[in-house]
Amino acid sequence: MNINIENEPVVIYSGNAWQAGLLKSILDDAEIEAFLKDEIIGTLNPWWTASGGVGSVKVVVDQINYYKAILIVAEFENNLKKEE
């Protein structure tokens, strides 16, 4: 059996629905296919959503795109901190 680890999904970010959606859009613009996980619970019960906590929306990419995506995540998080 040949398992291709490059297609393994990996969570690169957890946050509220708005942040996760914005980051997914930025990744899509960088031609990195990204998916949102737990989007429904994060939208229905936003008060349960702590950044990275229970009920948070996760941004997922393929393992092959991890290093490129994590650089974008770092810049995204830095920009969020500047706005606080």
PDB file of N, CA and C in Angstrom:
ATOM      1  N   MET A   1       0.840  -1.166   0.000  1.00  0.00           N
ATOM      2  CA  MET A   1       0.000   0.000   0.000  1.00  0.00           C
ATOM      3  C   MET A   1       0.892   1.239   0.000  1.00  0.00           C
ATOM      4  N   ASN A   2       0.612   2.156  -0.910  1.00  0.00           N
ATOM      5  CA  ASN A   2       1.386   3.375  -1.050  1.00  0.00           C
ATOM      6  C   ASN A   2       0.598   4.538  -0.449  1.00  0.00           C
ATOM      7  N   ILE A   3       1.073   5.081   0.669  1.00  0.00           N
ATOM      8  CA  ILE A   3       0.411   6.203   1.334  1.00  0.00           C
ATOM      9  C   ILE A   3       1.167   7.479   0.993  1.00  0.00           C
ATOM     10  N   ASN A   4       0.445   8.453   0.496  1.00  0.00           N
ATOM     11  CA  ASN A   4       1.039   9.727   0.113  1.00  0.00           C
ATOM     12  C   ASN A   4       0.837  10.732   1.246  1.00  0.00           C
ATOM     13  N   ILE A   5       1.886  10.960   2.038  1.00  0.00           N
ATOM     14  CA  ILE A   5       1.797  11.866   3.191  1.00  0.00           C
ATOM     15  C   ILE A   5       1.601  13.321   2.772  1.00  0.00           C
ATOM     16  N   GLU A   6       1.942  13.655   1.533  1.00  0.00           N
ATOM     17  CA  GLU A   6       1.791  15.031   1.067  1.00  0.00           C
ATOM     18  C   GLU A   6       0.334  15.471   1.051  1.00  0.00           C
ATOM     19  N   ASN A   7      -0.587  14.527   1.004  1.00  0.00           N
ATOM     20  CA  ASN A   7      -2.006  14.865   0.962  1.00  0.00           C
ATOM     21  C   ASN A   7      -2.663  14.785   2.332  1.00  0.00           C
ATOM     22  N   GLU A   8      -1.879  14.587   3.374  1.00  0.00           N
ATOM     23  CA  GLU A   8      -2.429  14.534   4.723  1.00  0.00           C
ATOM     24  C   GLU A   8      -2.841  15.943   5.155  1.00  0.00           C
ATOM     25  N   PRO A   9      -4.075  16.115   5.622  1.00  0.00           N
ATOM     26  CA  PRO A   9      -4.491  17.447   6.083  1.00  0.00           C
ATOM     27  C   PRO A   9      -3.849  17.793   7.419  1.00  0.00           C
ATOM     28  N   VAL A  10      -3.537  19.068   7.584  1.00  0.00           N
ATOM     29  CA  VAL A  10      -2.932  19.548   8.821  1.00  0.00           C
ATOM     30  C   VAL A  10      -3.586  20.884   9.202  1.00  0.00           C
ATOM     31  N   VAL A  11      -3.912  21.031  10.488  1.00  0.00           N
ATOM     32  CA  VAL A  11      -4.509  22.270  10.985  1.00  0.00           C
ATOM     33  C   VAL A  11      -3.386  23.297  11.178  1.00  0.00           C
ATOM     34  N   ILE A  12      -3.559  24.459  10.562  1.00  0.00           N
ATOM     35  CA  ILE A  12      -2.526  25.497  10.682  1.00  0.00           C
ATOM     36  C   ILE A  12      -2.989  26.701  11.499  1.00  0.00           C
ATOM     37  N   TYR A  13      -4.295  26.770  11.793  1.00  0.00           N
ATOM     38  CA  TYR A  13      -4.806  27.923  12.527  1.00  0.00           C
ATOM     39  C   TYR A  13      -6.139  27.567  13.162  1.00  0.00           C
ATOM     40  N   SER A  14      -6.404  28.115  14.339  1.00  0.00           N
ATOM     41  CA  SER A  14      -7.702  27.986  15.002  1.00  0.00           C
ATOM     42  C   SER A  14      -8.098  29.360  15.513  1.00  0.00           C
ATOM     43  N   GLY A  15      -9.331  29.742  15.263  1.00  0.00           N
ATOM     44  CA  GLY A  15      -9.815  31.038  15.732  1.00  0.00           C
ATOM     45  C   GLY A  15     -11.299  31.155  15.527  1.00  0.00           C
ATOM     46  N   ASN A  16     -11.812  32.377  15.575  1.00  0.00           N
ATOM     47  CA  ASN A  16     -13.250  32.548  15.357  1.00  0.00           C
ATOM     48  C   ASN A  16     -13.553  32.440  13.860  1.00  0.00           C
ATOM     49  N   ALA A  17     -14.846  32.363  13.535  1.00  0.00           N
ATOM     50  CA  ALA A  17     -15.269  32.137  12.154  1.00  0.00           C
ATOM     51  C   ALA A  17     -14.773  33.242  11.219  1.00  0.00           C
ATOM     52  N   TRP A  18     -14.810  34.493  11.690  1.00  0.00           N
ATOM     53  CA  TRP A  18     -14.380  35.612  10.853  1.00  0.00           C
ATOM     54  C   TRP A  18     -12.889  35.515  10.530  1.00  0.00           C
ATOM     55  N   GLN A  19     -12.062  35.283  11.554  1.00  0.00           N
ATOM     56  CA  GLN A  19     -10.611  35.188  11.347  1.00  0.00           C
ATOM     57  C   GLN A  19     -10.259  34.010  10.441  1.00  0.00           C
ATOM     58  N   ALA A  20     -10.862  32.863  10.693  1.00  0.00           N
ATOM     59  CA  ALA A  20     -10.570  31.674   9.896  1.00  0.00           C
ATOM     60  C   ALA A  20     -10.975  31.881   8.437  1.00  0.00           C
ATOM     61  N   GLY A  21     -12.129  32.495   8.217  1.00  0.00           N
ATOM     62  CA  GLY A  21     -12.582  32.765   6.855  1.00  0.00           C
ATOM     63  C   GLY A  21     -11.669  33.733   6.125  1.00  0.00           C
ATOM     64  N   LEU A  22     -11.223  34.762   6.835  1.00  0.00           N
ATOM     65  CA  LEU A  22     -10.301  35.736   6.240  1.00  0.00           C
ATOM     66  C   LEU A  22      -8.977  35.077   5.881  1.00  0.00           C
ATOM     67  N   LEU A  23      -8.445  34.272   6.795  1.00  0.00           N
ATOM     68  CA  LEU A  23      -7.180  33.580   6.515  1.00  0.00           C
ATOM     69  C   LEU A  23      -7.331  32.617   5.348  1.00  0.00           C
ATOM     70  N   LYS A  24      -8.438  31.894   5.275  1.00  0.00           N
ATOM     71  CA  LYS A  24      -8.665  30.985   4.152  1.00  0.00           C
ATOM     72  C   LYS A  24      -8.636  31.759   2.839  1.00  0.00           C
ATOM     73  N   SER A  25      -9.261  32.926   2.820  1.00  0.00           N
ATOM     74  CA  SER A  25      -9.272  33.763   1.616  1.00  0.00           C
ATOM     75  C   SER A  25      -7.859  34.199   1.224  1.00  0.00           C
ATOM     76  N   ILE A  26      -7.056  34.573   2.215  1.00  0.00           N
ATOM     77  CA  ILE A  26      -5.666  34.976   1.955  1.00  0.00           C
ATOM     78  C   ILE A  26      -4.874  33.802   1.398  1.00  0.00           C
ATOM     79  N   LEU A  27      -5.063  32.620   1.963  1.00  0.00           N
ATOM     80  CA  LEU A  27      -4.372  31.423   1.465  1.00  0.00           C
ATOM     81  C   LEU A  27      -4.820  31.089   0.047  1.00  0.00           C
ATOM     82  N   ASP A  28      -6.120  31.197  -0.222  1.00  0.00           N
ATOM     83  CA  ASP A  28      -6.624  30.954  -1.580  1.00  0.00           C
ATOM     84  C   ASP A  28      -5.976  31.913  -2.572  1.00  0.00           C
ATOM     85  N   ASP A  29      -5.825  33.189  -2.186  1.00  0.00           N
ATOM     86  CA  ASP A  29      -5.174  34.172  -3.055  1.00  0.00           C
ATOM     87  C   ASP A  29      -3.714  33.817  -3.324  1.00  0.00           C
ATOM     88  N   ALA A  30      -3.084  33.122  -2.368  1.00  0.00           N
ATOM     89  CA  ALA A  30      -1.693  32.688  -2.523  1.00  0.00           C
ATOM     90  C   ALA A  30      -1.610  31.329  -3.214  1.00  0.00           C
ATOM     91  N   GLU A  31      -2.746  30.876  -3.754  1.00  0.00           N
ATOM     92  CA  GLU A  31      -2.845  29.605  -4.467  1.00  0.00           C
ATOM     93  C   GLU A  31      -2.527  28.400  -3.585  1.00  0.00           C
ATOM     94  N   ILE A  32      -2.933  28.509  -2.317  1.00  0.00           N
ATOM     95  CA  ILE A  32      -2.837  27.403  -1.370  1.00  0.00           C
ATOM     96  C   ILE A  32      -4.267  26.993  -1.043  1.00  0.00           C
ATOM     97  N   GLU A  33      -4.626  25.781  -1.428  1.00  0.00           N
ATOM     98  CA  GLU A  33      -5.976  25.301  -1.170  1.00  0.00           C
ATOM     99  C   GLU A  33      -6.143  25.063   0.323  1.00  0.00           C
ATOM    100  N   ALA A  34      -7.154  25.682   0.893  1.00  0.00           N
ATOM    101  CA  ALA A  34      -7.412  25.581   2.329  1.00  0.00           C
ATOM    102  C   ALA A  34      -8.886  25.259   2.555  1.00  0.00           C
ATOM    103  N   PHE A  35      -9.148  24.629   3.685  1.00  0.00           N
ATOM    104  CA  PHE A  35     -10.505  24.255   4.049  1.00  0.00           C
ATOM    105  C   PHE A  35     -10.766  24.688   5.484  1.00  0.00           C
ATOM    106  N   LEU A  36     -12.036  24.926   5.794  1.00  0.00           N
ATOM    107  CA  LEU A  36     -12.428  25.260   7.158  1.00  0.00           C
ATOM    108  C   LEU A  36     -13.042  24.027   7.805  1.00  0.00           C
ATOM    109  N   LYS A  37     -12.651  23.779   9.040  1.00  0.00           N
ATOM    110  CA  LYS A  37     -13.176  22.655   9.807  1.00  0.00           C
ATOM    111  C   LYS A  37     -13.909  23.221  11.018  1.00  0.00           C
ATOM    112  N   ASP A  38     -15.035  22.635  11.363  1.00  0.00           N
ATOM    113  CA  ASP A  38     -15.864  23.063  12.500  1.00  0.00           C
ATOM    114  C   ASP A  38     -16.460  24.450  12.274  1.00  0.00           C
ATOM    115  N   GLU A  39     -16.681  24.792  11.014  1.00  0.00           N
ATOM    116  CA  GLU A  39     -17.203  26.119  10.671  1.00  0.00           C
ATOM    117  C   GLU A  39     -18.628  26.325  11.183  1.00  0.00           C
ATOM    118  N   ILE A  40     -19.444  25.307  11.157  1.00  0.00           N
ATOM    119  CA  ILE A  40     -20.850  25.463  11.543  1.00  0.00           C
ATOM    120  C   ILE A  40     -20.975  25.775  13.027  1.00  0.00           C
ATOM    121  N   ILE A  41     -20.301  25.035  13.882  1.00  0.00           N
ATOM    122  CA  ILE A  41     -20.406  25.290  15.319  1.00  0.00           C
ATOM    123  C   ILE A  41     -19.824  26.655  15.670  1.00  0.00           C
ATOM    124  N   GLY A  42     -18.762  27.053  14.991  1.00  0.00           N
ATOM    125  CA  GLY A  42     -18.164  28.365  15.237  1.00  0.00           C
ATOM    126  C   GLY A  42     -19.061  29.508  14.814  1.00  0.00           C
ATOM    127  N   THR A  43     -19.927  29.262  13.829  1.00  0.00           N
ATOM    128  CA  THR A  43     -20.855  30.283  13.362  1.00  0.00           C
ATOM    129  C   THR A  43     -22.115  30.313  14.221  1.00  0.00           C
ATOM    130  N   LEU A  44     -22.625  29.140  14.583  1.00  0.00           N
ATOM    131  CA  LEU A  44     -23.857  29.064  15.365  1.00  0.00           C
ATOM    132  C   LEU A  44     -23.668  29.547  16.797  1.00  0.00           C
ATOM    133  N   ASN A  45     -22.513  29.265  17.364  1.00  0.00           N
ATOM    134  CA  ASN A  45     -22.255  29.612  18.765  1.00  0.00           C
ATOM    135  C   ASN A  45     -20.941  30.370  18.892  1.00  0.00           C
ATOM    136  N   PRO A  46     -20.883  31.590  18.374  1.00  0.00           N
ATOM    137  CA  PRO A  46     -19.606  32.318  18.396  1.00  0.00           C
ATOM    138  C   PRO A  46     -19.089  32.607  19.799  1.00  0.00           C
ATOM    139  N   TRP A  47     -19.972  32.647  20.804  1.00  0.00           N
ATOM    140  CA  TRP A  47     -19.530  32.898  22.173  1.00  0.00           C
ATOM    141  C   TRP A  47     -18.760  31.709  22.737  1.00  0.00           C
ATOM    142  N   TRP A  48     -18.894  30.531  22.110  1.00  0.00           N
ATOM    143  CA  TRP A  48     -18.114  29.362  22.520  1.00  0.00           C
ATOM    144  C   TRP A  48     -16.728  29.386  21.914  1.00  0.00           C
ATOM    145  N   THR A  49     -16.543  30.225  20.930  1.00  0.00           N
ATOM    146  CA  THR A  49     -15.319  30.205  20.151  1.00  0.00           C
ATOM    147  C   THR A  49     -14.252  31.058  20.795  1.00  0.00           C
ATOM    148  N   ALA A  50     -13.279  30.403  21.366  1.00  0.00           N
ATOM    149  CA  ALA A  50     -12.094  31.089  21.863  1.00  0.00           C
ATOM    150  C   ALA A  50     -11.002  30.852  20.843  1.00  0.00           C
ATOM    151  N   SER A  51     -10.148  31.801  20.670  1.00  0.00           N
ATOM    152  CA  SER A  51      -9.074  31.644  19.703  1.00  0.00           C
ATOM    153  C   SER A  51      -8.273  30.389  20.021  1.00  0.00           C
ATOM    154  N   GLY A  52      -8.426  29.392  19.177  1.00  0.00           N
ATOM    155  CA  GLY A  52      -7.726  28.134  19.375  1.00  0.00           C
ATOM    156  C   GLY A  52      -8.371  27.224  20.393  1.00  0.00           C
ATOM    157  N   GLY A  53      -9.470  27.642  20.995  1.00  0.00           N
ATOM    158  CA  GLY A  53     -10.105  26.852  22.044  1.00  0.00           C
ATOM    159  C   GLY A  53     -11.246  26.002  21.542  1.00  0.00           C
ATOM    160  N   VAL A  54     -12.054  25.577  22.466  1.00  0.00           N
ATOM    161  CA  VAL A  54     -13.204  24.747  22.147  1.00  0.00           C
ATOM    162  C   VAL A  54     -14.150  25.514  21.235  1.00  0.00           C
ATOM    163  N   GLY A  55     -14.638  24.873  20.202  1.00  0.00           N
ATOM    164  CA  GLY A  55     -15.573  25.502  19.291  1.00  0.00           C
ATOM    165  C   GLY A  55     -14.924  26.398  18.260  1.00  0.00           C
ATOM    166  N   SER A  56     -13.616  26.439  18.231  1.00  0.00           N
ATOM    167  CA  SER A  56     -12.955  27.309  17.267  1.00  0.00           C
ATOM    168  C   SER A  56     -13.026  26.711  15.868  1.00  0.00           C
ATOM    169  N   VAL A  57     -12.958  27.577  14.878  1.00  0.00           N
ATOM    170  CA  VAL A  57     -12.933  27.155  13.483  1.00  0.00           C
ATOM    171  C   VAL A  57     -11.476  26.942  13.099  1.00  0.00           C
ATOM    172  N   LYS A  58     -11.192  25.810  12.483  1.00  0.00           N
ATOM    173  CA  LYS A  58      -9.826  25.476  12.107  1.00  0.00           C
ATOM    174  C   LYS A  58      -9.611  25.669  10.614  1.00  0.00           C
ATOM    175  N   VAL A  59      -8.419  26.132  10.247  1.00  0.00           N
ATOM    176  CA  VAL A  59      -8.015  26.240   8.849  1.00  0.00           C
ATOM    177  C   VAL A  59      -7.079  25.071   8.586  1.00  0.00           C
ATOM    178  N   VAL A  60      -7.384  24.309   7.540  1.00  0.00           N
ATOM    179  CA  VAL A  60      -6.662  23.083   7.226  1.00  0.00           C
ATOM    180  C   VAL A  60      -6.081  23.181   5.824  1.00  0.00           C
ATOM    181  N   VAL A  61      -4.830  22.736   5.669  1.00  0.00           N
ATOM    182  CA  VAL A  61      -4.178  22.655   4.359  1.00  0.00           C
ATOM    183  C   VAL A  61      -3.549  21.271   4.212  1.00  0.00           C
ATOM    184  N   ASP A  62      -3.174  20.927   2.983  1.00  0.00           N
ATOM    185  CA  ASP A  62      -2.432  19.687   2.756  1.00  0.00           C
ATOM    186  C   ASP A  62      -1.024  19.833   3.301  1.00  0.00           C
ATOM    187  N   GLN A  63      -0.460  18.732   3.748  1.00  0.00           N
ATOM    188  CA  GLN A  63       0.892  18.710   4.323  1.00  0.00           C
ATOM    189  C   GLN A  63       1.918  19.325   3.369  1.00  0.00           C
ATOM    190  N   ILE A  64       1.755  19.108   2.082  1.00  0.00           N
ATOM    191  CA  ILE A  64       2.719  19.620   1.099  1.00  0.00           C
ATOM    192  C   ILE A  64       2.775  21.153   1.108  1.00  0.00           C
ATOM    193  N   ASN A  65       1.692  21.806   1.513  1.00  0.00           N
ATOM    194  CA  ASN A  65       1.640  23.275   1.540  1.00  0.00           C
ATOM    195  C   ASN A  65       1.910  23.862   2.922  1.00  0.00           C
ATOM    196  N   TYR A  66       2.232  23.018   3.890  1.00  0.00           N
ATOM    197  CA  TYR A  66       2.352  23.455   5.284  1.00  0.00           C
ATOM    198  C   TYR A  66       3.341  24.612   5.455  1.00  0.00           C
ATOM    199  N   TYR A  67       4.557  24.471   4.972  1.00  0.00           N
ATOM    200  CA  TYR A  67       5.594  25.491   5.232  1.00  0.00           C
ATOM    201  C   TYR A  67       5.282  26.822   4.563  1.00  0.00           C
ATOM    202  N   LYS A  68       4.740  26.776   3.374  1.00  0.00           N
ATOM    203  CA  LYS A  68       4.351  28.011   2.697  1.00  0.00           C
ATOM    204  C   LYS A  68       3.179  28.669   3.442  1.00  0.00           C
ATOM    205  N   ALA A  69       2.229  27.846   3.877  1.00  0.00           N
ATOM    206  CA  ALA A  69       1.040  28.359   4.556  1.00  0.00           C
ATOM    207  C   ALA A  69       1.373  28.920   5.931  1.00  0.00           C
ATOM    208  N   ILE A  70       2.267  28.282   6.654  1.00  0.00           N
ATOM    209  CA  ILE A  70       2.570  28.716   8.021  1.00  0.00           C
ATOM    210  C   ILE A  70       3.236  30.097   8.028  1.00  0.00           C
ATOM    211  N   LEU A  71       3.945  30.438   6.974  1.00  0.00           N
ATOM    212  CA  LEU A  71       4.517  31.789   6.860  1.00  0.00           C
ATOM    213  C   LEU A  71       3.406  32.830   6.723  1.00  0.00           C
ATOM    214  N   ILE A  72       2.383  32.488   5.963  1.00  0.00           N
ATOM    215  CA  ILE A  72       1.251  33.393   5.791  1.00  0.00           C
ATOM    216  C   ILE A  72       0.482  33.521   7.105  1.00  0.00           C
ATOM    217  N   VAL A  73       0.339  32.414   7.826  1.00  0.00           N
ATOM    218  CA  VAL A  73      -0.342  32.437   9.127  1.00  0.00           C
ATOM    219  C   VAL A  73       0.403  33.348  10.110  1.00  0.00           C
ATOM    220  N   ALA A  74       1.715  33.254  10.127  1.00  0.00           N
ATOM    221  CA  ALA A  74       2.517  34.081  11.032  1.00  0.00           C
ATOM    222  C   ALA A  74       2.303  35.567  10.736  1.00  0.00           C
ATOM    223  N   GLU A  75       2.298  35.937   9.480  1.00  0.00           N
ATOM    224  CA  GLU A  75       2.068  37.333   9.101  1.00  0.00           C
ATOM    225  C   GLU A  75       0.639  37.755   9.466  1.00  0.00           C
ATOM    226  N   PHE A  76      -0.314  36.871   9.240  1.00  0.00           N
ATOM    227  CA  PHE A  76      -1.713  37.137   9.583  1.00  0.00           C
ATOM    228  C   PHE A  76      -1.863  37.389  11.083  1.00  0.00           C
ATOM    229  N   GLU A  77      -1.249  36.541  11.899  1.00  0.00           N
ATOM    230  CA  GLU A  77      -1.336  36.707  13.356  1.00  0.00           C
ATOM    231  C   GLU A  77      -0.646  37.985  13.821  1.00  0.00           C
ATOM    232  N   ASN A  78       0.477  38.331  13.199  1.00  0.00           N
ATOM    233  CA  ASN A  78       1.148  39.592  13.542  1.00  0.00           C
ATOM    234  C   ASN A  78       0.261  40.786  13.240  1.00  0.00           C
ATOM    235  N   ASN A  79      -0.437  40.752  12.124  1.00  0.00           N
ATOM    236  CA  ASN A  79      -1.339  41.840  11.769  1.00  0.00           C
ATOM    237  C   ASN A  79      -2.522  41.920  12.733  1.00  0.00           C
ATOM    238  N   LEU A  80      -3.020  40.763  13.192  1.00  0.00           N
ATOM    239  CA  LEU A  80      -4.097  40.769  14.179  1.00  0.00           C
ATOM    240  C   LEU A  80      -3.647  41.405  15.491  1.00  0.00           C
ATOM    241  N   LYS A  81      -2.426  41.112  15.902  1.00  0.00           N
ATOM    242  CA  LYS A  81      -1.897  41.670  17.152  1.00  0.00           C
ATOM    243  C   LYS A  81      -1.732  43.184  17.056  1.00  0.00           C
ATOM    244  N   LYS A  82      -1.366  43.677  15.874  1.00  0.00           N
ATOM    245  CA  LYS A  82      -1.193  45.115  15.684  1.00  0.00           C
ATOM    246  C   LYS A  82      -2.511  45.856  15.818  1.00  0.00           C
ATOM    247  N   GLU A  83      -3.624  45.182  15.468  1.00  0.00           N
ATOM    248  CA  GLU A  83      -4.940  45.810  15.517  1.00  0.00           C
ATOM    249  C   GLU A  83      -5.505  45.847  16.929  1.00  0.00           C
ATOM    250  N   GLU A  84      -4.989  45.041  17.839  1.00  0.00           N
ATOM    251  CA  GLU A  84      -5.534  44.984  19.202  1.00  0.00           C
ATOM    252  C   GLU A  84      -5.161  46.190  20.011  1.00  0.00           C
TER     253      GLU A  84
END
